[in-house]
Amino acid sequence: MRVLTVAALFFAMSAAALGQAGEPRTSQVPASQVEHSQTAAGEVQNDQALADAQPVPDHIIYLLYFRHLANLDQVAAQREAEGKEGRGWRSHEQRAAGLSEEEGNILKQVAYDCIQAVTEADRKIQNVITNFHAQHPQGEYNRVPPPPELPQLEKEKTQIINAHIEQLKSLLGEDAFNKLAAHLNRDFKTSVKRLPVQSPPLRAKIPGGGR
């Protein structure tokens, strides 16, 4: 089973939220964002650290949460484009975590910076996998060792996420960061299930690729 299902499961759990007027309830994500969330999760579907981890490691929890914040902002933008109120969606997680507006802005900035850096890391990983599939067509890649550079790229990606978590902790301060961590453990982490073991890792058919 692909790791993609982990993130998709969490976001699908709250699929009814967009149809409700007003502000979202804690940990709710609108239905229109499920597909977007699955796409975002797909960017990390070949992550060996994700595939091997049980239970879900904290750096993955934070990455999923950062994407969750971006999804809520997208919902807010959609509602505002329709002439509806979107501010409640933008500030939902800030309020749910008990953060001030300034602290919420810091959280968003770090989250978006992390997503951008991870997207670039995923692009490098995907390029390696795409080239690997091209060099070993018609399923041959299933019978040979994976590219040797992948472990280092995966390690670098994990380091990127952890560095942003540490940056967030430094910028927020211990008290505010602890509030956020408590919110994640209480309202977010419990909705992300244990990851299935993928074997062999990094050899699944890539999106748009051949066998």
N, C-alpha and C. Protein backbone atom coordinates (compact mmCIF):
# COMPACT_ATOMS: atom_id res chain seq x y z
N MET A 1 0.85 -1.19 0.00
CA MET A 1 0.00 0.00 0.00
C MET A 1 0.88 1.24 0.00
N ARG A 2 0.53 2.23 -0.81
CA ARG A 2 1.35 3.42 -0.90
C ARG A 2 1.16 4.31 0.31
N VAL A 3 2.20 5.05 0.61
CA VAL A 3 2.17 5.97 1.73
C VAL A 3 1.15 7.09 1.50
N LEU A 4 0.81 7.34 0.25
CA LEU A 4 -0.16 8.36 -0.10
C LEU A 4 -1.43 8.25 0.72
N THR A 5 -1.83 7.03 1.07
CA THR A 5 -3.09 6.84 1.78
C THR A 5 -3.07 7.46 3.15
N VAL A 6 -1.91 7.63 3.77
CA VAL A 6 -1.83 8.19 5.11
C VAL A 6 -2.37 9.61 5.14
N ALA A 7 -1.84 10.47 4.28
CA ALA A 7 -2.31 11.85 4.25
C ALA A 7 -3.73 11.93 3.72
N ALA A 8 -4.04 11.14 2.69
CA ALA A 8 -5.38 11.19 2.11
C ALA A 8 -6.42 10.80 3.14
N LEU A 9 -6.09 9.84 4.01
CA LEU A 9 -7.03 9.39 5.03
C LEU A 9 -7.39 10.54 5.96
N PHE A 10 -6.38 11.26 6.42
CA PHE A 10 -6.66 12.36 7.35
C PHE A 10 -7.55 13.42 6.71
N PHE A 11 -7.18 13.83 5.50
CA PHE A 11 -7.93 14.90 4.87
C PHE A 11 -9.34 14.46 4.49
N ALA A 12 -9.51 13.20 4.13
CA ALA A 12 -10.83 12.71 3.75
C ALA A 12 -11.75 12.61 4.95
N MET A 13 -11.19 12.48 6.15
CA MET A 13 -12.01 12.31 7.34
C MET A 13 -12.91 13.52 7.60
N SER A 14 -12.50 14.68 7.10
CA SER A 14 -13.26 15.90 7.37
C SER A 14 -13.89 16.46 6.10
N ALA A 15 -14.29 15.60 5.21
CA ALA A 15 -14.71 16.01 3.87
C ALA A 15 -15.96 16.88 3.85
N ALA A 16 -16.76 16.88 4.89
CA ALA A 16 -18.02 17.61 4.85
C ALA A 16 -17.90 19.07 5.22
N ALA A 17 -16.73 19.53 5.60
CA ALA A 17 -16.61 20.85 6.21
C ALA A 17 -16.97 21.99 5.25
N LEU A 18 -16.60 21.90 3.99
CA LEU A 18 -16.80 23.02 3.08
C LEU A 18 -18.28 23.33 2.91
N GLY A 19 -19.12 22.34 3.01
CA GLY A 19 -20.54 22.56 2.82
C GLY A 19 -21.19 23.30 3.96
N GLN A 20 -20.46 23.51 5.06
CA GLN A 20 -21.01 24.18 6.22
C GLN A 20 -20.72 25.68 6.15
N ALA A 21 -21.67 26.48 6.56
CA ALA A 21 -21.45 27.92 6.57
C ALA A 21 -20.60 28.30 7.76
N GLY A 22 -19.95 29.47 7.64
CA GLY A 22 -19.17 29.97 8.77
C GLY A 22 -17.80 29.37 8.83
N GLU A 23 -17.28 29.21 10.04
CA GLU A 23 -15.91 28.79 10.24
C GLU A 23 -15.82 27.28 10.43
N PRO A 24 -14.65 26.70 10.12
CA PRO A 24 -14.47 25.26 10.27
C PRO A 24 -14.36 24.88 11.73
N ARG A 25 -14.78 23.67 12.04
CA ARG A 25 -14.55 23.14 13.38
C ARG A 25 -13.13 22.61 13.44
N THR A 26 -12.65 22.32 14.64
CA THR A 26 -11.28 21.87 14.83
C THR A 26 -11.00 20.64 13.98
N SER A 27 -9.88 20.70 13.25
CA SER A 27 -9.36 19.61 12.44
C SER A 27 -10.24 19.26 11.26
N GLN A 28 -11.16 20.14 10.84
CA GLN A 28 -11.97 19.86 9.68
C GLN A 28 -11.32 20.45 8.44
N VAL A 29 -11.36 19.70 7.34
CA VAL A 29 -10.84 20.14 6.06
C VAL A 29 -11.93 19.94 5.03
N PRO A 30 -12.19 20.94 4.16
CA PRO A 30 -13.29 20.85 3.22
C PRO A 30 -13.08 19.83 2.13
N ALA A 31 -14.21 19.37 1.58
CA ALA A 31 -14.18 18.31 0.58
C ALA A 31 -13.40 18.73 -0.65
N SER A 32 -13.51 19.99 -1.04
CA SER A 32 -12.82 20.44 -2.24
C SER A 32 -11.31 20.36 -2.10
N GLN A 33 -10.83 20.19 -0.86
CA GLN A 33 -9.39 20.15 -0.64
C GLN A 33 -8.84 18.73 -0.60
N VAL A 34 -9.72 17.73 -0.62
CA VAL A 34 -9.23 16.35 -0.52
C VAL A 34 -8.34 16.01 -1.69
N GLU A 35 -8.81 16.36 -2.92
CA GLU A 35 -8.01 16.05 -4.09
C GLU A 35 -6.69 16.81 -4.05
N HIS A 36 -6.75 18.10 -3.65
CA HIS A 36 -5.53 18.90 -3.54
C HIS A 36 -4.58 18.29 -2.51
N SER A 37 -5.14 17.83 -1.40
CA SER A 37 -4.31 17.26 -0.35
C SER A 37 -3.66 15.96 -0.82
N GLN A 38 -4.42 15.18 -1.58
CA GLN A 38 -3.86 13.95 -2.10
C GLN A 38 -2.72 14.24 -3.05
N THR A 39 -2.87 15.30 -3.86
CA THR A 39 -1.80 15.67 -4.77
C THR A 39 -0.56 16.10 -3.99
N ALA A 40 -0.77 16.89 -2.95
CA ALA A 40 0.35 17.33 -2.13
C ALA A 40 1.03 16.13 -1.48
N ALA A 41 0.21 15.21 -0.98
CA ALA A 41 0.78 14.02 -0.35
C ALA A 41 1.53 13.18 -1.37
N GLY A 42 1.05 13.22 -2.63
CA GLY A 42 1.71 12.45 -3.67
C GLY A 42 3.14 12.90 -3.90
N GLU A 43 3.44 14.14 -3.55
CA GLU A 43 4.80 14.63 -3.72
C GLU A 43 5.78 13.89 -2.83
N VAL A 44 5.26 13.24 -1.78
CA VAL A 44 6.17 12.53 -0.89
C VAL A 44 5.89 11.04 -0.89
N GLN A 45 5.17 10.54 -1.90
CA GLN A 45 4.76 9.15 -1.87
C GLN A 45 5.93 8.19 -2.02
N ASN A 46 7.07 8.66 -2.56
CA ASN A 46 8.22 7.79 -2.70
C ASN A 46 9.25 8.01 -1.61
N ASP A 47 8.84 8.63 -0.54
CA ASP A 47 9.75 8.95 0.56
C ASP A 47 10.04 7.69 1.36
N GLN A 48 11.29 7.22 1.35
CA GLN A 48 11.64 5.99 2.05
C GLN A 48 11.43 6.13 3.55
N ALA A 49 11.72 7.32 4.08
CA ALA A 49 11.51 7.53 5.51
C ALA A 49 10.04 7.35 5.86
N LEU A 50 9.16 7.84 4.99
CA LEU A 50 7.73 7.64 5.20
C LEU A 50 7.37 6.17 5.12
N ALA A 51 7.91 5.49 4.10
CA ALA A 51 7.52 4.11 3.85
C ALA A 51 7.94 3.17 4.97
N ASP A 52 9.09 3.45 5.57
CA ASP A 52 9.62 2.53 6.57
C ASP A 52 9.13 2.84 7.98
N ALA A 53 8.53 4.01 8.19
CA ALA A 53 8.25 4.47 9.54
C ALA A 53 6.94 3.94 10.08
N GLN A 54 7.00 3.40 11.29
CA GLN A 54 5.83 3.03 12.07
C GLN A 54 6.17 3.24 13.53
N PRO A 55 5.47 4.09 14.23
CA PRO A 55 4.40 4.98 13.76
C PRO A 55 4.94 6.16 12.96
N VAL A 56 4.04 7.08 12.61
CA VAL A 56 4.44 8.23 11.79
C VAL A 56 5.39 9.12 12.58
N PRO A 57 6.57 9.42 12.04
CA PRO A 57 7.52 10.28 12.76
C PRO A 57 7.05 11.72 12.81
N ASP A 58 7.57 12.45 13.79
CA ASP A 58 7.11 13.82 14.01
C ASP A 58 7.36 14.72 12.81
N HIS A 59 8.47 14.55 12.10
CA HIS A 59 8.74 15.45 10.98
C HIS A 59 7.70 15.29 9.88
N ILE A 60 7.15 14.10 9.73
CA ILE A 60 6.09 13.89 8.74
C ILE A 60 4.78 14.49 9.24
N ILE A 61 4.53 14.37 10.53
CA ILE A 61 3.34 15.00 11.11
C ILE A 61 3.35 16.50 10.83
N TYR A 62 4.50 17.13 11.06
CA TYR A 62 4.59 18.58 10.84
C TYR A 62 4.46 18.92 9.36
N LEU A 63 5.03 18.10 8.48
CA LEU A 63 4.89 18.38 7.05
C LEU A 63 3.43 18.30 6.62
N LEU A 64 2.73 17.27 7.07
CA LEU A 64 1.31 17.16 6.75
C LEU A 64 0.52 18.34 7.31
N TYR A 65 0.89 18.75 8.51
CA TYR A 65 0.21 19.89 9.13
C TYR A 65 0.47 21.18 8.36
N PHE A 66 1.70 21.37 7.92
CA PHE A 66 2.01 22.56 7.12
C PHE A 66 1.18 22.58 5.84
N ARG A 67 1.02 21.43 5.21
CA ARG A 67 0.19 21.34 4.01
C ARG A 67 -1.27 21.61 4.35
N HIS A 68 -1.69 21.15 5.51
CA HIS A 68 -3.05 21.40 5.99
C HIS A 68 -3.30 22.90 6.11
N LEU A 69 -2.34 23.65 6.64
CA LEU A 69 -2.46 25.10 6.75
C LEU A 69 -2.61 25.74 5.37
N ALA A 70 -1.82 25.27 4.42
CA ALA A 70 -1.90 25.80 3.06
C ALA A 70 -3.26 25.50 2.45
N ASN A 71 -3.81 24.34 2.74
CA ASN A 71 -5.12 23.97 2.21
C ASN A 71 -6.21 24.89 2.76
N LEU A 72 -6.13 25.20 4.05
CA LEU A 72 -7.11 26.08 4.65
C LEU A 72 -7.04 27.48 4.04
N ASP A 73 -5.84 27.95 3.75
CA ASP A 73 -5.69 29.24 3.10
C ASP A 73 -6.31 29.21 1.70
N GLN A 74 -6.17 28.09 1.02
CA GLN A 74 -6.77 27.97 -0.31
C GLN A 74 -8.29 28.02 -0.22
N VAL A 75 -8.85 27.37 0.79
CA VAL A 75 -10.29 27.43 1.00
C VAL A 75 -10.73 28.87 1.25
N ALA A 76 -9.97 29.57 2.09
CA ALA A 76 -10.30 30.96 2.39
C ALA A 76 -10.31 31.80 1.12
N ALA A 77 -9.32 31.58 0.26
CA ALA A 77 -9.24 32.33 -0.99
C ALA A 77 -10.43 32.00 -1.89
N GLN A 78 -10.84 30.75 -1.93
CA GLN A 78 -11.99 30.35 -2.73
C GLN A 78 -13.26 31.03 -2.23
N ARG A 79 -13.44 31.03 -0.91
CA ARG A 79 -14.64 31.64 -0.34
C ARG A 79 -14.66 33.15 -0.59
N GLU A 80 -13.51 33.78 -0.43
CA GLU A 80 -13.44 35.22 -0.65
C GLU A 80 -13.71 35.58 -2.11
N ALA A 81 -13.26 34.70 -3.02
CA ALA A 81 -13.53 34.93 -4.44
C ALA A 81 -15.02 34.83 -4.75
N GLU A 82 -15.73 34.10 -3.90
CA GLU A 82 -17.18 33.95 -4.05
C GLU A 82 -17.95 34.99 -3.25
N GLY A 83 -17.23 35.95 -2.66
CA GLY A 83 -17.87 36.98 -1.87
C GLY A 83 -18.27 36.53 -0.48
N LYS A 84 -17.68 35.45 0.00
CA LYS A 84 -18.00 34.92 1.32
C LYS A 84 -16.86 35.23 2.30
N GLU A 85 -17.13 34.98 3.56
CA GLU A 85 -16.13 35.20 4.60
C GLU A 85 -15.06 34.12 4.55
N GLY A 86 -13.78 34.52 4.53
CA GLY A 86 -12.70 33.54 4.51
C GLY A 86 -11.74 33.67 5.67
N ARG A 87 -11.89 34.75 6.43
CA ARG A 87 -10.93 35.02 7.51
C ARG A 87 -10.90 33.91 8.56
N GLY A 88 -12.07 33.35 8.85
CA GLY A 88 -12.13 32.30 9.86
C GLY A 88 -11.34 31.07 9.47
N TRP A 89 -11.30 30.77 8.16
CA TRP A 89 -10.52 29.63 7.69
C TRP A 89 -9.02 29.92 7.82
N ARG A 90 -8.64 31.16 7.52
CA ARG A 90 -7.22 31.50 7.59
C ARG A 90 -6.69 31.44 9.02
N SER A 91 -7.51 31.83 9.98
CA SER A 91 -7.06 31.90 11.37
C SER A 91 -7.47 30.69 12.20
N HIS A 92 -8.10 29.71 11.56
CA HIS A 92 -8.65 28.58 12.30
C HIS A 92 -7.61 27.86 13.15
N GLU A 93 -6.49 27.48 12.54
CA GLU A 93 -5.48 26.71 13.28
C GLU A 93 -4.77 27.57 14.31
N GLN A 94 -4.60 28.84 14.02
CA GLN A 94 -4.00 29.74 15.01
C GLN A 94 -4.85 29.74 16.28
N ARG A 95 -6.16 29.89 16.10
CA ARG A 95 -7.06 29.93 17.26
C ARG A 95 -7.18 28.57 17.94
N ALA A 96 -7.19 27.51 17.14
CA ALA A 96 -7.31 26.16 17.70
C ALA A 96 -6.10 25.82 18.57
N ALA A 97 -4.94 26.36 18.20
CA ALA A 97 -3.72 26.10 18.96
C ALA A 97 -3.51 27.09 20.10
N GLY A 98 -4.36 28.12 20.18
CA GLY A 98 -4.23 29.11 21.23
C GLY A 98 -3.08 30.08 20.99
N LEU A 99 -2.78 30.36 19.73
CA LEU A 99 -1.69 31.27 19.40
C LEU A 99 -2.22 32.67 19.14
N SER A 100 -1.36 33.65 19.31
CA SER A 100 -1.71 35.02 18.98
C SER A 100 -1.68 35.20 17.47
N GLU A 101 -2.18 36.33 17.00
CA GLU A 101 -2.15 36.60 15.56
C GLU A 101 -0.71 36.64 15.05
N GLU A 102 0.18 37.27 15.81
CA GLU A 102 1.59 37.33 15.40
C GLU A 102 2.20 35.93 15.34
N GLU A 103 1.89 35.12 16.33
CA GLU A 103 2.41 33.74 16.35
C GLU A 103 1.84 32.93 15.19
N GLY A 104 0.57 33.18 14.87
CA GLY A 104 -0.04 32.51 13.73
C GLY A 104 0.63 32.88 12.43
N ASN A 105 1.01 34.14 12.29
CA ASN A 105 1.71 34.58 11.09
C ASN A 105 3.08 33.92 10.98
N ILE A 106 3.76 33.78 12.11
CA ILE A 106 5.06 33.10 12.11
C ILE A 106 4.88 31.64 11.68
N LEU A 107 3.87 30.99 12.21
CA LEU A 107 3.58 29.60 11.86
C LEU A 107 3.35 29.46 10.36
N LYS A 108 2.55 30.35 9.80
CA LYS A 108 2.26 30.28 8.36
C LYS A 108 3.53 30.50 7.54
N GLN A 109 4.36 31.47 7.92
CA GLN A 109 5.55 31.77 7.15
C GLN A 109 6.51 30.58 7.13
N VAL A 110 6.73 29.99 8.30
CA VAL A 110 7.61 28.82 8.37
C VAL A 110 7.02 27.66 7.58
N ALA A 111 5.71 27.48 7.70
CA ALA A 111 5.04 26.39 6.98
C ALA A 111 5.23 26.52 5.47
N TYR A 112 5.00 27.71 4.95
CA TYR A 112 5.13 27.92 3.51
C TYR A 112 6.58 27.79 3.05
N ASP A 113 7.51 28.28 3.85
CA ASP A 113 8.93 28.13 3.51
C ASP A 113 9.31 26.65 3.46
N CYS A 114 8.80 25.89 4.43
CA CYS A 114 9.10 24.45 4.48
C CYS A 114 8.52 23.74 3.27
N ILE A 115 7.27 24.04 2.95
CA ILE A 115 6.62 23.39 1.79
C ILE A 115 7.41 23.67 0.52
N GLN A 116 7.85 24.90 0.35
CA GLN A 116 8.62 25.26 -0.85
C GLN A 116 9.93 24.48 -0.92
N ALA A 117 10.62 24.39 0.20
CA ALA A 117 11.89 23.67 0.23
C ALA A 117 11.69 22.17 0.00
N VAL A 118 10.64 21.62 0.59
CA VAL A 118 10.35 20.19 0.41
C VAL A 118 9.93 19.89 -1.03
N THR A 119 9.19 20.81 -1.63
CA THR A 119 8.78 20.63 -3.02
C THR A 119 10.00 20.54 -3.92
N GLU A 120 10.99 21.37 -3.65
CA GLU A 120 12.23 21.32 -4.44
C GLU A 120 12.97 20.01 -4.19
N ALA A 121 13.01 19.57 -2.94
CA ALA A 121 13.67 18.30 -2.63
C ALA A 121 12.94 17.14 -3.31
N ASP A 122 11.61 17.18 -3.30
CA ASP A 122 10.83 16.14 -3.97
C ASP A 122 11.08 16.13 -5.47
N ARG A 123 11.27 17.32 -6.03
CA ARG A 123 11.55 17.40 -7.46
C ARG A 123 12.86 16.70 -7.81
N LYS A 124 13.86 16.90 -6.97
CA LYS A 124 15.14 16.23 -7.20
C LYS A 124 14.98 14.71 -7.09
N ILE A 125 14.25 14.27 -6.08
CA ILE A 125 14.02 12.85 -5.89
C ILE A 125 13.26 12.27 -7.08
N GLN A 126 12.22 12.98 -7.52
CA GLN A 126 11.42 12.50 -8.64
C GLN A 126 12.23 12.42 -9.92
N ASN A 127 13.14 13.38 -10.12
CA ASN A 127 13.99 13.34 -11.30
C ASN A 127 14.88 12.12 -11.30
N VAL A 128 15.43 11.79 -10.13
CA VAL A 128 16.27 10.60 -10.02
C VAL A 128 15.46 9.35 -10.35
N ILE A 129 14.24 9.27 -9.81
CA ILE A 129 13.40 8.10 -10.04
C ILE A 129 12.96 8.02 -11.50
N THR A 130 12.63 9.16 -12.09
CA THR A 130 12.23 9.18 -13.50
C THR A 130 13.36 8.70 -14.39
N ASN A 131 14.57 9.18 -14.14
CA ASN A 131 15.73 8.74 -14.92
C ASN A 131 16.00 7.26 -14.71
N PHE A 132 15.80 6.81 -13.47
CA PHE A 132 16.02 5.40 -13.14
C PHE A 132 15.04 4.52 -13.91
N HIS A 133 13.79 4.93 -13.99
CA HIS A 133 12.79 4.17 -14.75
C HIS A 133 13.11 4.18 -16.24
N ALA A 134 13.60 5.32 -16.73
CA ALA A 134 13.95 5.41 -18.15
C ALA A 134 15.13 4.51 -18.49
N GLN A 135 16.06 4.38 -17.56
CA GLN A 135 17.23 3.53 -17.78
C GLN A 135 16.91 2.05 -17.66
N HIS A 136 15.82 1.74 -16.96
CA HIS A 136 15.43 0.34 -16.75
C HIS A 136 13.94 0.18 -17.08
N PRO A 137 13.60 0.21 -18.37
CA PRO A 137 12.19 0.20 -18.78
C PRO A 137 11.54 -1.17 -18.65
N GLN A 138 10.22 -1.19 -18.87
CA GLN A 138 9.43 -2.41 -18.91
C GLN A 138 9.57 -3.23 -17.62
N GLY A 139 9.59 -2.54 -16.49
CA GLY A 139 9.62 -3.23 -15.21
C GLY A 139 10.98 -3.72 -14.77
N GLU A 140 12.01 -3.45 -15.57
CA GLU A 140 13.35 -3.90 -15.20
C GLU A 140 13.81 -3.27 -13.89
N TYR A 141 13.30 -2.05 -13.59
CA TYR A 141 13.70 -1.35 -12.36
C TYR A 141 13.30 -2.12 -11.11
N ASN A 142 12.34 -3.05 -11.24
CA ASN A 142 11.95 -3.87 -10.10
C ASN A 142 12.96 -4.97 -9.78
N ARG A 143 13.87 -5.19 -10.70
CA ARG A 143 14.82 -6.30 -10.54
C ARG A 143 16.24 -5.84 -10.29
N VAL A 144 16.41 -4.52 -10.14
CA VAL A 144 17.76 -4.00 -9.90
C VAL A 144 17.72 -3.12 -8.66
N PRO A 145 18.87 -2.90 -8.03
CA PRO A 145 18.90 -2.03 -6.84
C PRO A 145 18.45 -0.62 -7.18
N PRO A 146 17.83 0.07 -6.24
CA PRO A 146 17.41 1.46 -6.48
C PRO A 146 18.61 2.38 -6.63
N PRO A 147 18.41 3.56 -7.16
CA PRO A 147 19.52 4.51 -7.34
C PRO A 147 20.26 4.76 -6.03
N PRO A 148 21.57 4.70 -6.04
CA PRO A 148 22.33 4.86 -4.79
C PRO A 148 22.25 6.25 -4.17
N GLU A 149 21.91 7.27 -4.97
CA GLU A 149 21.84 8.63 -4.42
C GLU A 149 20.55 8.91 -3.66
N LEU A 150 19.56 8.03 -3.79
CA LEU A 150 18.28 8.30 -3.15
C LEU A 150 18.35 8.39 -1.63
N PRO A 151 19.05 7.51 -0.94
CA PRO A 151 19.09 7.62 0.53
C PRO A 151 19.59 8.98 1.02
N GLN A 152 20.60 9.53 0.34
CA GLN A 152 21.12 10.83 0.75
C GLN A 152 20.09 11.93 0.48
N LEU A 153 19.39 11.85 -0.64
CA LEU A 153 18.37 12.84 -0.95
C LEU A 153 17.23 12.77 0.05
N GLU A 154 16.87 11.57 0.45
CA GLU A 154 15.81 11.40 1.45
C GLU A 154 16.26 11.96 2.81
N LYS A 155 17.52 11.72 3.14
CA LYS A 155 18.06 12.25 4.39
C LYS A 155 18.05 13.77 4.38
N GLU A 156 18.44 14.36 3.26
CA GLU A 156 18.45 15.81 3.14
C GLU A 156 17.04 16.38 3.28
N LYS A 157 16.07 15.67 2.73
CA LYS A 157 14.69 16.12 2.82
C LYS A 157 14.21 16.12 4.27
N THR A 158 14.52 15.07 4.99
CA THR A 158 14.16 15.00 6.40
C THR A 158 14.83 16.12 7.18
N GLN A 159 16.08 16.40 6.87
CA GLN A 159 16.80 17.48 7.53
C GLN A 159 16.16 18.83 7.26
N ILE A 160 15.65 19.02 6.06
CA ILE A 160 14.96 20.27 5.71
C ILE A 160 13.75 20.48 6.61
N ILE A 161 12.95 19.43 6.76
CA ILE A 161 11.75 19.53 7.58
C ILE A 161 12.11 19.78 9.04
N ASN A 162 13.07 19.02 9.56
CA ASN A 162 13.47 19.19 10.96
C ASN A 162 14.05 20.58 11.22
N ALA A 163 14.77 21.11 10.23
CA ALA A 163 15.34 22.45 10.39
C ALA A 163 14.23 23.50 10.50
N HIS A 164 13.17 23.31 9.74
CA HIS A 164 12.05 24.25 9.82
C HIS A 164 11.28 24.10 11.13
N ILE A 165 11.20 22.89 11.64
CA ILE A 165 10.56 22.69 12.94
C ILE A 165 11.36 23.42 14.02
N GLU A 166 12.67 23.30 13.98
CA GLU A 166 13.52 23.98 14.95
C GLU A 166 13.42 25.50 14.78
N GLN A 167 13.35 25.96 13.54
CA GLN A 167 13.18 27.39 13.29
C GLN A 167 11.86 27.88 13.88
N LEU A 168 10.82 27.09 13.70
CA LEU A 168 9.51 27.45 14.24
C LEU A 168 9.57 27.54 15.76
N LYS A 169 10.22 26.58 16.38
CA LYS A 169 10.35 26.58 17.83
C LYS A 169 11.11 27.80 18.32
N SER A 170 12.16 28.17 17.60
CA SER A 170 12.96 29.32 17.98
C SER A 170 12.18 30.63 17.83
N LEU A 171 11.45 30.77 16.73
CA LEU A 171 10.72 32.00 16.46
C LEU A 171 9.49 32.16 17.35
N LEU A 172 8.82 31.06 17.65
CA LEU A 172 7.63 31.13 18.49
C LEU A 172 7.97 31.28 19.96
N GLY A 173 9.07 30.69 20.37
CA GLY A 173 9.38 30.62 21.78
C GLY A 173 8.81 29.34 22.37
N GLU A 174 9.34 28.94 23.50
CA GLU A 174 8.98 27.63 24.07
C GLU A 174 7.50 27.51 24.41
N ASP A 175 6.94 28.54 25.02
CA ASP A 175 5.54 28.46 25.45
C ASP A 175 4.59 28.29 24.27
N ALA A 176 4.74 29.14 23.26
CA ALA A 176 3.85 29.07 22.10
C ALA A 176 4.07 27.78 21.32
N PHE A 177 5.32 27.36 21.19
CA PHE A 177 5.58 26.11 20.47
C PHE A 177 4.96 24.93 21.21
N ASN A 178 5.03 24.93 22.52
CA ASN A 178 4.42 23.85 23.30
C ASN A 178 2.90 23.83 23.13
N LYS A 179 2.29 25.01 23.01
CA LYS A 179 0.85 25.07 22.73
C LYS A 179 0.54 24.40 21.39
N LEU A 180 1.36 24.74 20.40
CA LEU A 180 1.16 24.17 19.06
C LEU A 180 1.36 22.66 19.09
N ALA A 181 2.42 22.21 19.75
CA ALA A 181 2.70 20.77 19.84
C ALA A 181 1.56 20.03 20.53
N ALA A 182 1.01 20.64 21.58
CA ALA A 182 -0.11 20.02 22.29
C ALA A 182 -1.33 19.92 21.38
N HIS A 183 -1.56 20.96 20.59
CA HIS A 183 -2.68 20.96 19.64
C HIS A 183 -2.50 19.86 18.60
N LEU A 184 -1.30 19.71 18.09
CA LEU A 184 -1.03 18.67 17.10
C LEU A 184 -1.27 17.29 17.69
N ASN A 185 -0.78 17.07 18.90
CA ASN A 185 -0.95 15.76 19.53
C ASN A 185 -2.41 15.46 19.84
N ARG A 186 -3.15 16.49 20.20
CA ARG A 186 -4.54 16.30 20.62
C ARG A 186 -5.50 16.23 19.43
N ASP A 187 -5.30 17.10 18.44
CA ASP A 187 -6.32 17.28 17.42
C ASP A 187 -5.89 16.86 16.01
N PHE A 188 -4.62 16.63 15.80
CA PHE A 188 -4.15 16.34 14.44
C PHE A 188 -3.46 14.99 14.34
N LYS A 189 -2.51 14.76 15.22
CA LYS A 189 -1.71 13.54 15.13
C LYS A 189 -2.55 12.28 15.28
N THR A 190 -3.59 12.35 16.10
CA THR A 190 -4.43 11.17 16.33
C THR A 190 -5.21 10.78 15.09
N SER A 191 -5.35 11.71 14.12
CA SER A 191 -6.08 11.41 12.89
C SER A 191 -5.18 10.84 11.81
N VAL A 192 -3.86 10.85 12.02
CA VAL A 192 -2.92 10.30 11.06
C VAL A 192 -2.54 8.90 11.52
N LYS A 193 -2.87 7.92 10.72
CA LYS A 193 -2.71 6.54 11.14
C LYS A 193 -1.28 6.05 10.94
N ARG A 194 -1.01 4.90 11.53
CA ARG A 194 0.29 4.26 11.34
C ARG A 194 0.51 3.96 9.87
N LEU A 195 1.74 4.08 9.45
CA LEU A 195 2.07 3.91 8.05
C LEU A 195 2.24 2.43 7.69
N PRO A 196 1.72 2.02 6.52
CA PRO A 196 1.98 0.66 6.06
C PRO A 196 3.42 0.53 5.60
N VAL A 197 3.98 -0.64 5.71
CA VAL A 197 5.33 -0.89 5.22
C VAL A 197 5.25 -1.15 3.73
N GLN A 198 6.05 -0.44 2.97
CA GLN A 198 6.07 -0.59 1.53
C GLN A 198 7.30 -1.40 1.15
N SER A 199 7.13 -2.49 0.47
CA SER A 199 8.26 -3.33 0.11
C SER A 199 8.08 -3.85 -1.31
N PRO A 200 9.09 -3.71 -2.18
CA PRO A 200 10.29 -2.92 -1.95
C PRO A 200 10.00 -1.44 -2.11
N PRO A 201 10.71 -0.55 -1.36
CA PRO A 201 10.44 0.87 -1.45
C PRO A 201 10.99 1.48 -2.73
N LEU A 202 10.40 2.59 -3.13
CA LEU A 202 10.90 3.44 -4.20
C LEU A 202 10.88 2.78 -5.57
N ARG A 203 10.07 1.71 -5.72
CA ARG A 203 10.02 1.07 -7.01
C ARG A 203 8.62 1.04 -7.59
N ALA A 204 7.71 1.74 -6.94
CA ALA A 204 6.35 1.80 -7.44
C ALA A 204 6.33 2.62 -8.71
N LYS A 205 5.34 2.36 -9.55
CA LYS A 205 5.20 3.11 -10.79
C LYS A 205 4.97 4.57 -10.50
N ILE A 206 5.73 5.44 -11.09
CA ILE A 206 5.60 6.86 -10.83
C ILE A 206 4.44 7.42 -11.66
N PRO A 207 3.81 8.50 -11.19
CA PRO A 207 2.70 9.08 -11.94
C PRO A 207 3.12 9.48 -13.34
N GLY A 208 2.37 8.99 -14.32
CA GLY A 208 2.67 9.35 -15.71
C GLY A 208 3.79 8.54 -16.32
N GLY A 209 4.37 7.62 -15.55
CA GLY A 209 5.48 6.84 -16.05
C GLY A 209 5.03 5.52 -16.61
N GLY A 210 5.89 4.86 -17.33
CA GLY A 210 5.58 3.56 -17.89
C GLY A 210 5.93 2.46 -16.93
N ARG A 211 5.66 1.24 -17.35
CA ARG A 211 6.00 0.11 -16.54
C ARG A 211 7.48 -0.18 -16.62
